[in-house]
Amino acid sequence: MKRRLLLKQLAAAGLLSLTAWTPATWAADTIKVGILHSLSGTMAISETSLKDVALMTIDEINANGGVLGKKLEPVVVDPASNWPLFAEKARQLLAQDKVSVVFGAWTSVSRKSVLPVFKELNGLLFYPVQYEGEELERNVFYTGAAPNQQAIPAVEYLMSEDGGGATRFVLLGTDYVYPRTTNKILRAFLHSKGVKDSDIEEVYTPFGHADYQTIVANIKRFAAGGRTAVVSTINGDSNVPFYKELGNAGLKATDVPVVAFSVGEEELRGVDTKPLVGHLAAWNYFESIKNPVNDAFIAKWKAYAKAKNLPNADTVVTNDPMEATYVGIHMWKQAVEQAGTTDVDKVIDAMGGQKFQAPNGFTMEMDKTNHHLHKPVYIGEIREDGQFNVVWKTPGPIRAQPWSPYLPGNENKQGL
């Protein structure tokens, strides 16, 4: 009897010690990585694939030995296209889940929402989407484009003979900080080229806006005054009804070309692209770019989508923010290994100068001083299959200017 009781006590003690020990050991054997993207709401159309490609990249790194001999453990949250919720989820990842780094956000309002949290808790954010600039934070690395790596070259192209020689511009965007600040920069740039305010129309719609009939009709009327182009900073699922209305109105690229900064291969999966052939997008990567690194990236993504049974796995595509996510995670890995630790301050110091051979065909470099990637610029025409033909590109990567030289007061900030 005593022997059985003793065995029960020993077994219970062993079980308790096992349950107390296992999580601690698991935590010690992994490095937690936060993924902060909207998986529901208006931005899910764009952000869900970034979550998935981040998970693919983490699997790839783990299959090759992890980081510092440890596996990466993803912690995925859904801020649901709710900007205050982004801040709450960021705090959860940093303070509760104790992640070493966060990859996430798309809209600038979501990035602005989480910035105070990352500064307060000294977290590290990799932001993978083109944005308006006018920002440089120690706790953020920007792997998307600054305006001089997307918006300015796109408008220069529209004004060129090859781009149609536009003299009038409709600046159409979703009503939040990225479109408004980008268009402030573009208006100043257009002024520097001699374009008058009377030849610039600026229009904004709320997130989730679905009725573009009146706006497209007004664009057609405005275009009667001279060679006109539309610069679109519409974000999220509003792109679908906008492009559908372009098709319904018969507004062809030969009449009024539209160049988009937030529409790529993923967004076009939900649109009949036949009426949109010839309209433009400006990015730093397209799936249609031919090189061995991109071929391997596309093949990995398609295989991953099928293996994980992702929705519409047979038609998945790659796009610019997905590539920026992929590059950012690998650069963070390299910086951690160089620093020999996941300590945020040491990783930040190690990030400057990191290089990575990217699917866009170039070796990308993180600038040593301004936390932005040196990136090539591509302008592509929409094809009938939803892919892009590259019609213009820079000879190589160009250095980001987070502070636009076209805005007064930025003259002394360019050396950052």
Protein backbone atom coordinates (compact mmCIF):
# COMPACT_ATOMS: atom_id res chain seq x y z
CA MET A 1 0.00 0.00 0.00
CA LYS A 2 2.75 2.40 1.02
CA ARG A 3 4.73 1.36 -2.04
CA ARG A 4 1.76 2.10 -4.37
CA LEU A 5 1.22 5.49 -2.68
CA LEU A 6 4.89 6.33 -3.04
CA LEU A 7 4.80 5.39 -6.73
CA LYS A 8 1.71 7.59 -7.25
CA GLN A 9 3.41 10.50 -5.50
CA LEU A 10 6.55 10.06 -7.57
CA ALA A 11 4.50 9.84 -10.78
CA ALA A 12 2.56 12.97 -9.87
CA ALA A 13 5.77 14.81 -9.03
CA GLY A 14 7.27 13.68 -12.33
CA LEU A 15 4.21 14.82 -14.25
CA LEU A 16 4.25 18.19 -12.54
CA SER A 17 7.93 18.66 -13.22
CA LEU A 18 7.37 17.68 -16.86
CA THR A 19 4.50 20.12 -17.38
CA ALA A 20 6.45 22.89 -15.66
CA TRP A 21 9.59 22.16 -17.66
CA THR A 22 8.31 21.53 -21.16
CA PRO A 23 7.04 25.06 -22.07
CA ALA A 24 10.17 26.68 -20.72
CA THR A 25 12.31 24.30 -22.73
CA TRP A 26 10.17 24.90 -25.84
CA ALA A 27 10.51 28.67 -25.41
CA ALA A 28 14.25 28.38 -24.96
CA ASP A 29 14.56 26.30 -28.12
CA THR A 30 12.68 28.70 -30.41
CA ILE A 31 12.76 32.34 -31.42
CA LYS A 32 9.27 33.85 -31.57
CA VAL A 33 8.44 35.95 -34.63
CA GLY A 34 5.29 38.09 -34.85
CA ILE A 35 3.15 38.38 -38.00
CA LEU A 36 0.82 41.38 -37.89
CA HIS A 37 -1.43 41.43 -40.95
CA SER A 38 -5.16 41.90 -41.53
CA LEU A 39 -6.75 38.55 -42.30
CA SER A 40 -10.26 40.03 -42.32
CA GLY A 41 -11.84 43.33 -43.28
CA THR A 42 -11.13 45.61 -46.23
CA MET A 43 -7.37 44.99 -46.31
CA ALA A 44 -7.50 41.19 -46.19
CA ILE A 45 -7.46 41.09 -50.01
CA SER A 46 -3.89 42.40 -49.91
CA GLU A 47 -2.50 41.33 -46.52
CA THR A 48 -3.46 37.66 -46.28
CA SER A 49 -0.85 36.64 -48.83
CA LEU A 50 1.82 38.50 -46.84
CA LYS A 51 0.99 36.38 -43.80
CA ASP A 52 1.25 33.25 -45.90
CA VAL A 53 4.53 34.18 -47.57
CA ALA A 54 5.99 35.05 -44.15
CA LEU A 55 5.06 31.57 -42.92
CA MET A 56 6.62 30.06 -46.04
CA THR A 57 9.84 31.98 -45.43
CA ILE A 58 9.93 30.89 -41.79
CA ASP A 59 9.47 27.26 -42.88
CA GLU A 60 12.30 27.70 -45.38
CA ILE A 61 14.65 29.11 -42.73
CA ASN A 62 13.71 26.38 -40.24
CA ALA A 63 14.37 23.70 -42.85
CA ASN A 64 17.87 25.11 -43.25
CA GLY A 65 18.77 25.03 -39.56
CA GLY A 66 16.85 28.01 -38.18
CA VAL A 67 18.57 31.04 -36.69
CA LEU A 68 21.40 30.73 -34.18
CA GLY A 69 20.64 27.02 -34.03
CA LYS A 70 17.01 27.62 -33.02
CA LYS A 71 13.75 27.21 -34.91
CA LEU A 72 11.61 30.25 -35.61
CA GLU A 73 8.15 30.07 -34.02
CA PRO A 74 5.57 32.28 -35.79
CA VAL A 75 2.90 34.05 -33.74
CA VAL A 76 0.09 35.17 -36.07
CA VAL A 77 -2.52 37.76 -35.07
CA ASP A 78 -5.37 39.37 -37.00
CA PRO A 79 -5.83 43.13 -36.47
CA ALA A 80 -8.81 42.89 -38.84
CA SER A 81 -8.27 46.14 -40.81
CA ASN A 82 -8.98 47.97 -37.54
CA TRP A 83 -6.31 50.61 -36.97
CA PRO A 84 -6.54 50.89 -33.13
CA LEU A 85 -6.59 47.08 -32.97
CA PHE A 86 -3.22 47.07 -34.74
CA ALA A 87 -1.73 48.84 -31.71
CA GLU A 88 -3.37 46.38 -29.30
CA LYS A 89 -2.13 43.38 -31.26
CA ALA A 90 1.37 44.86 -31.52
CA ARG A 91 1.46 45.30 -27.74
CA GLN A 92 0.27 41.72 -27.30
CA LEU A 93 3.04 40.40 -29.56
CA LEU A 94 5.79 42.38 -27.83
CA ALA A 95 4.71 42.36 -24.17
CA GLN A 96 2.77 39.10 -23.87
CA ASP A 97 4.10 36.81 -26.59
CA LYS A 98 7.65 38.20 -26.26
CA VAL A 99 8.42 38.07 -29.98
CA SER A 100 11.89 39.12 -31.12
CA VAL A 101 10.66 40.89 -34.26
CA VAL A 102 7.38 41.69 -36.03
CA PHE A 103 6.73 41.57 -39.76
CA GLY A 104 3.57 43.37 -40.70
CA ALA A 105 1.17 46.23 -41.47
CA TRP A 106 0.16 47.48 -44.91
CA THR A 107 -1.59 50.83 -44.65
CA SER A 108 0.32 53.78 -43.28
CA VAL A 109 -2.44 54.43 -40.75
CA SER A 110 -1.83 50.95 -39.32
CA ARG A 111 1.92 51.61 -39.24
CA LYS A 112 1.39 54.98 -37.54
CA SER A 113 -0.91 53.24 -35.05
CA VAL A 114 1.74 50.74 -33.94
CA LEU A 115 4.78 53.06 -33.95
CA PRO A 116 4.31 54.36 -30.38
CA VAL A 117 4.10 50.75 -29.12
CA PHE A 118 7.33 49.72 -30.84
CA LYS A 119 9.12 52.81 -29.52
CA GLU A 120 7.81 52.36 -25.97
CA LEU A 121 8.65 48.66 -25.78
CA ASN A 122 11.76 48.86 -28.00
CA GLY A 123 10.35 46.36 -30.49
CA LEU A 124 11.47 45.81 -34.06
CA LEU A 125 9.10 46.15 -37.04
CA PHE A 126 9.74 45.26 -40.68
CA TYR A 127 7.26 47.15 -42.88
CA PRO A 128 6.94 45.64 -46.40
CA VAL A 129 4.81 48.09 -48.39
CA GLN A 130 5.41 51.25 -50.42
CA TYR A 131 4.55 54.36 -48.43
CA GLU A 132 4.60 58.15 -48.36
CA GLY A 133 7.95 58.69 -46.63
CA GLU A 134 8.33 61.68 -44.29
CA GLU A 135 9.30 59.23 -41.55
CA LEU A 136 12.41 57.55 -40.21
CA GLU A 137 12.15 55.48 -37.04
CA ARG A 138 14.96 53.58 -35.35
CA ASN A 139 12.61 50.68 -34.53
CA VAL A 140 11.41 50.21 -38.13
CA PHE A 141 13.01 48.87 -41.29
CA TYR A 142 11.16 49.84 -44.46
CA THR A 143 11.44 47.15 -47.14
CA GLY A 144 8.83 48.77 -49.42
CA ALA A 145 9.40 51.81 -51.62
CA ALA A 146 9.79 55.45 -50.66
CA PRO A 147 8.15 57.97 -53.07
CA ASN A 148 11.33 58.41 -55.15
CA GLN A 149 11.37 54.63 -55.71
CA GLN A 150 7.80 54.45 -57.04
CA ALA A 151 5.53 57.52 -57.19
CA ILE A 152 7.93 60.07 -58.72
CA PRO A 153 9.32 57.73 -61.42
CA ALA A 154 5.77 56.67 -62.33
CA VAL A 155 4.60 60.24 -62.92
CA GLU A 156 7.79 61.06 -64.81
CA TYR A 157 6.98 58.12 -67.07
CA LEU A 158 3.39 59.33 -67.63
CA MET A 159 4.76 62.73 -68.67
CA SER A 160 7.27 61.21 -71.09
CA GLU A 161 6.61 60.51 -74.76
CA ASP A 162 6.71 56.75 -74.13
CA GLY A 163 4.21 57.12 -71.29
CA GLY A 164 1.72 59.16 -73.32
CA GLY A 165 2.83 62.73 -72.60
CA ALA A 166 0.22 63.49 -69.93
CA THR A 167 -0.31 67.16 -69.05
CA ARG A 168 -3.31 66.76 -66.71
CA PHE A 169 -3.52 64.49 -63.68
CA VAL A 170 -6.23 62.98 -61.50
CA LEU A 171 -4.81 62.01 -58.11
CA LEU A 172 -7.30 59.43 -56.84
CA GLY A 173 -6.81 57.72 -53.49
CA THR A 174 -8.25 56.22 -50.35
CA ASP A 175 -8.72 58.85 -47.66
CA TYR A 176 -5.83 58.35 -45.24
CA VAL A 177 -2.25 59.43 -44.66
CA TYR A 178 -0.46 57.51 -47.44
CA PRO A 179 -2.48 58.82 -50.41
CA ARG A 180 -2.78 62.35 -49.01
CA THR A 181 0.93 62.71 -48.26
CA THR A 182 1.99 61.03 -51.51
CA ASN A 183 -0.29 63.35 -53.46
CA LYS A 184 1.08 66.37 -51.59
CA ILE A 185 4.53 65.31 -52.81
CA LEU A 186 3.27 64.64 -56.34
CA ARG A 187 1.51 68.01 -56.52
CA ALA A 188 4.77 69.74 -55.52
CA PHE A 189 6.66 67.65 -58.08
CA LEU A 190 4.15 68.52 -60.81
CA HIS A 191 4.45 72.22 -59.91
CA SER A 192 8.22 71.90 -60.39
CA LYS A 193 7.49 70.60 -63.91
CA GLY A 194 5.23 73.54 -64.73
CA VAL A 195 1.86 71.80 -64.21
CA LYS A 196 -0.78 74.19 -62.81
CA ASP A 197 -3.28 73.39 -60.06
CA SER A 198 -6.08 73.76 -62.62
CA ASP A 199 -4.63 70.70 -64.36
CA ILE A 200 -4.58 68.62 -61.18
CA GLU A 201 -7.74 67.01 -59.74
CA GLU A 202 -7.48 65.41 -56.28
CA VAL A 203 -10.20 62.95 -55.15
CA TYR A 204 -10.48 60.70 -52.07
CA THR A 205 -12.83 57.89 -51.09
CA PRO A 206 -13.19 56.05 -47.75
CA PHE A 207 -11.87 52.56 -47.10
CA GLY A 208 -14.23 49.97 -48.54
CA HIS A 209 -15.78 52.41 -51.04
CA ALA A 210 -17.64 50.52 -53.76
CA ASP A 211 -19.40 53.02 -56.06
CA TYR A 212 -17.02 54.62 -58.57
CA GLN A 213 -19.56 55.42 -61.29
CA THR A 214 -19.66 59.17 -60.61
CA ILE A 215 -15.90 59.41 -60.09
CA VAL A 216 -15.09 57.63 -63.37
CA ALA A 217 -17.62 59.83 -65.21
CA ASN A 218 -15.90 62.92 -63.76
CA ILE A 219 -12.50 61.57 -64.87
CA LYS A 220 -13.83 61.28 -68.44
CA ARG A 221 -15.07 64.89 -68.32
CA PHE A 222 -11.78 66.17 -66.87
CA ALA A 223 -9.85 64.30 -69.58
CA ALA A 224 -11.65 66.32 -72.25
CA GLY A 225 -9.41 69.25 -71.27
CA GLY A 226 -6.16 67.64 -72.41
CA ARG A 227 -4.00 64.54 -72.24
CA THR A 228 -4.89 63.09 -68.83
CA ALA A 229 -3.55 60.30 -66.62
CA VAL A 230 -4.88 58.91 -63.33
CA VAL A 231 -2.52 58.24 -60.42
CA SER A 232 -4.28 55.76 -58.12
CA THR A 233 -3.46 55.28 -54.46
CA ILE A 234 -6.69 53.36 -53.80
CA ASN A 235 -6.01 50.63 -51.25
CA GLY A 236 -7.71 47.39 -50.34
CA ASP A 237 -10.80 45.82 -51.85
CA SER A 238 -12.03 49.15 -53.28
CA ASN A 239 -9.72 48.49 -56.21
CA VAL A 240 -12.08 45.80 -57.47
CA PRO A 241 -15.13 48.07 -58.06
CA PHE A 242 -12.89 50.88 -59.35
CA TYR A 243 -11.37 48.72 -62.06
CA LYS A 244 -14.74 47.16 -62.85
CA GLU A 245 -16.17 50.63 -63.37
CA LEU A 246 -13.27 51.57 -65.67
CA GLY A 247 -14.25 48.57 -67.77
CA ASN A 248 -17.97 49.40 -67.66
CA ALA A 249 -17.27 52.97 -68.77
CA GLY A 250 -15.00 51.83 -71.59
CA LEU A 251 -12.17 53.99 -70.28
CA LYS A 252 -9.18 52.40 -71.99
CA ALA A 253 -5.49 52.90 -71.27
CA THR A 254 -5.10 54.52 -74.68
CA ASP A 255 -7.62 57.18 -73.61
CA VAL A 256 -6.71 57.80 -69.96
CA PRO A 257 -3.95 55.60 -68.55
CA VAL A 258 -4.20 54.69 -64.87
CA VAL A 259 -1.02 54.00 -62.92
CA ALA A 260 -1.61 52.28 -59.59
CA PHE A 261 0.70 52.12 -56.57
CA SER A 262 -1.27 49.55 -54.56
CA VAL A 263 -2.53 47.18 -57.25
CA GLY A 264 -0.53 44.15 -58.21
CA GLU A 265 -0.96 40.56 -59.25
CA GLU A 266 -2.86 39.59 -56.08
CA GLU A 267 -5.49 42.35 -56.36
CA LEU A 268 -6.05 41.61 -60.07
CA ARG A 269 -6.98 37.99 -59.29
CA GLY A 270 -10.48 39.25 -58.45
CA VAL A 271 -11.00 41.38 -61.55
CA ASP A 272 -11.83 40.77 -65.20
CA THR A 273 -8.58 42.15 -66.61
CA LYS A 274 -9.55 42.19 -70.30
CA PRO A 275 -10.83 45.82 -70.22
CA LEU A 276 -7.77 46.86 -68.18
CA VAL A 277 -5.06 45.80 -70.60
CA GLY A 278 -2.48 48.57 -70.93
CA HIS A 279 -3.20 50.29 -67.62
CA LEU A 280 -0.13 50.56 -65.45
CA ALA A 281 1.33 49.79 -62.06
CA ALA A 282 4.61 50.95 -60.57
CA TRP A 283 6.44 48.57 -58.27
CA ASN A 284 9.92 47.27 -57.45
CA TYR A 285 9.05 43.70 -58.45
CA PHE A 286 6.71 41.86 -60.80
CA GLU A 287 6.09 38.13 -60.99
CA SER A 288 6.75 38.27 -64.75
CA ILE A 289 10.41 39.26 -64.27
CA LYS A 290 12.62 36.50 -65.63
CA ASN A 291 15.66 35.40 -63.65
CA PRO A 292 16.67 32.19 -61.79
CA VAL A 293 16.09 33.65 -58.31
CA ASN A 294 12.55 34.73 -59.20
CA ASP A 295 11.83 31.40 -60.90
CA ALA A 296 12.81 29.62 -57.66
CA PHE A 297 10.78 32.06 -55.52
CA ILE A 298 7.64 31.53 -57.62
CA ALA A 299 8.08 27.76 -57.63
CA LYS A 300 8.50 27.70 -53.82
CA TRP A 301 5.40 29.81 -53.33
CA LYS A 302 3.23 27.69 -55.63
CA ALA A 303 4.44 24.48 -54.00
CA TYR A 304 3.80 25.93 -50.54
CA ALA A 305 0.27 27.05 -51.49
CA LYS A 306 -0.60 23.56 -52.68
CA ALA A 307 1.05 21.83 -49.71
CA LYS A 308 -0.86 24.06 -47.25
CA ASN A 309 -4.08 23.90 -49.29
CA LEU A 310 -4.37 27.68 -49.47
CA PRO A 311 -7.56 29.10 -51.07
CA ASN A 312 -7.33 29.01 -54.88
CA ALA A 313 -3.93 27.34 -54.58
CA ASP A 314 -3.84 26.61 -58.31
CA THR A 315 -3.93 30.30 -59.21
CA VAL A 316 -1.69 31.88 -56.55
CA VAL A 317 0.58 34.70 -57.65
CA THR A 318 3.53 36.59 -56.23
CA ASN A 319 3.72 40.36 -55.91
CA ASP A 320 5.91 43.21 -54.68
CA PRO A 321 4.98 43.31 -50.97
CA MET A 322 5.36 39.53 -50.82
CA GLU A 323 8.88 39.84 -52.20
CA ALA A 324 9.62 42.65 -49.73
CA THR A 325 8.39 40.42 -46.90
CA TYR A 326 10.59 37.55 -48.07
CA VAL A 327 13.67 39.79 -48.37
CA GLY A 328 13.02 41.43 -44.99
CA ILE A 329 12.79 38.16 -43.09
CA HIS A 330 15.99 36.85 -44.65
CA MET A 331 17.83 40.13 -43.94
CA TRP A 332 16.68 40.03 -40.31
CA LYS A 333 18.01 36.46 -40.07
CA GLN A 334 21.38 37.59 -41.44
CA ALA A 335 21.54 40.51 -39.01
CA VAL A 336 20.70 38.26 -36.03
CA GLU A 337 23.43 35.83 -37.02
CA GLN A 338 25.92 38.67 -37.49
CA ALA A 339 25.00 40.13 -34.09
CA GLY A 340 24.95 36.69 -32.45
CA THR A 341 21.75 37.62 -30.64
CA THR A 342 18.12 38.69 -31.15
CA ASP A 343 18.68 41.73 -28.91
CA VAL A 344 16.83 44.52 -30.73
CA ASP A 345 19.50 47.22 -30.40
CA LYS A 346 22.26 44.90 -31.59
CA VAL A 347 20.18 43.63 -34.50
CA ILE A 348 19.36 47.23 -35.54
CA ASP A 349 23.07 48.03 -35.55
CA ALA A 350 23.77 44.93 -37.66
CA MET A 351 21.04 45.61 -40.25
CA GLY A 352 22.78 48.48 -42.05
CA GLY A 353 24.62 47.17 -45.09
CA GLN A 354 22.93 43.75 -45.16
CA LYS A 355 22.64 42.40 -48.70
CA PHE A 356 20.37 39.76 -50.20
CA GLN A 357 19.97 38.44 -53.74
CA ALA A 358 16.32 39.21 -54.41
CA PRO A 359 13.75 37.83 -56.86
CA ASN A 360 13.57 41.26 -58.55
CA GLY A 361 16.90 40.46 -60.22
CA PHE A 362 19.22 42.57 -58.08
CA THR A 363 21.22 42.23 -54.91
CA MET A 364 19.27 44.37 -52.45
CA GLU A 365 21.08 46.38 -49.80
CA MET A 366 19.76 47.89 -46.59
CA ASP A 367 21.01 51.45 -46.43
CA LYS A 368 23.57 52.03 -43.70
CA THR A 369 21.83 55.14 -42.36
CA ASN A 370 18.17 55.46 -43.38
CA HIS A 371 16.65 51.99 -42.69
CA HIS A 372 15.36 51.69 -46.29
CA LEU A 373 16.28 49.25 -49.04
CA HIS A 374 18.00 50.34 -52.23
CA LYS A 375 15.44 49.20 -54.83
CA PRO A 376 15.01 49.09 -58.61
CA VAL A 377 11.86 50.63 -60.10
CA TYR A 378 9.67 48.85 -62.65
CA ILE A 379 6.60 50.12 -64.50
CA GLY A 380 4.39 47.41 -65.91
CA GLU A 381 1.36 47.24 -68.19
CA ILE A 382 -1.52 44.99 -67.20
CA ARG A 383 -1.83 41.93 -69.42
CA GLU A 384 -5.00 40.02 -70.15
CA ASP A 385 -3.84 37.21 -67.82
CA GLY A 386 -3.46 39.58 -64.84
CA GLN A 387 0.31 39.70 -65.08
CA PHE A 388 2.43 42.67 -66.15
CA ASN A 389 4.71 43.47 -69.07
CA VAL A 390 7.59 45.67 -67.90
CA VAL A 391 7.67 48.80 -70.10
CA TRP A 392 10.23 50.84 -68.15
CA LYS A 393 12.82 50.20 -65.46
CA THR A 394 15.78 51.80 -63.77
CA PRO A 395 19.23 50.44 -64.66
CA GLY A 396 19.64 49.25 -61.08
CA PRO A 397 18.61 49.84 -57.46
CA ILE A 398 18.24 53.45 -56.33
CA ARG A 399 18.68 54.82 -52.81
CA ALA A 400 15.52 55.79 -50.97
CA GLN A 401 14.77 59.39 -50.06
CA PRO A 402 12.48 59.07 -47.03
CA TRP A 403 12.22 62.86 -46.90
CA SER A 404 10.99 64.19 -50.24
CA PRO A 405 13.16 66.97 -51.71
CA TYR A 406 9.99 68.46 -53.22
CA LEU A 407 8.64 69.43 -49.79
CA PRO A 408 10.06 72.50 -48.04
CA GLY A 409 12.03 71.87 -44.87
CA ASN A 410 13.53 68.56 -46.01
CA GLU A 411 16.70 69.98 -47.53
CA ASN A 412 18.95 69.01 -44.63
CA LYS A 413 17.48 65.53 -44.09
CA GLN A 414 18.66 63.79 -47.27
CA GLY A 415 21.91 62.52 -45.76
CA LEU A 416 20.08 60.35 -43.25
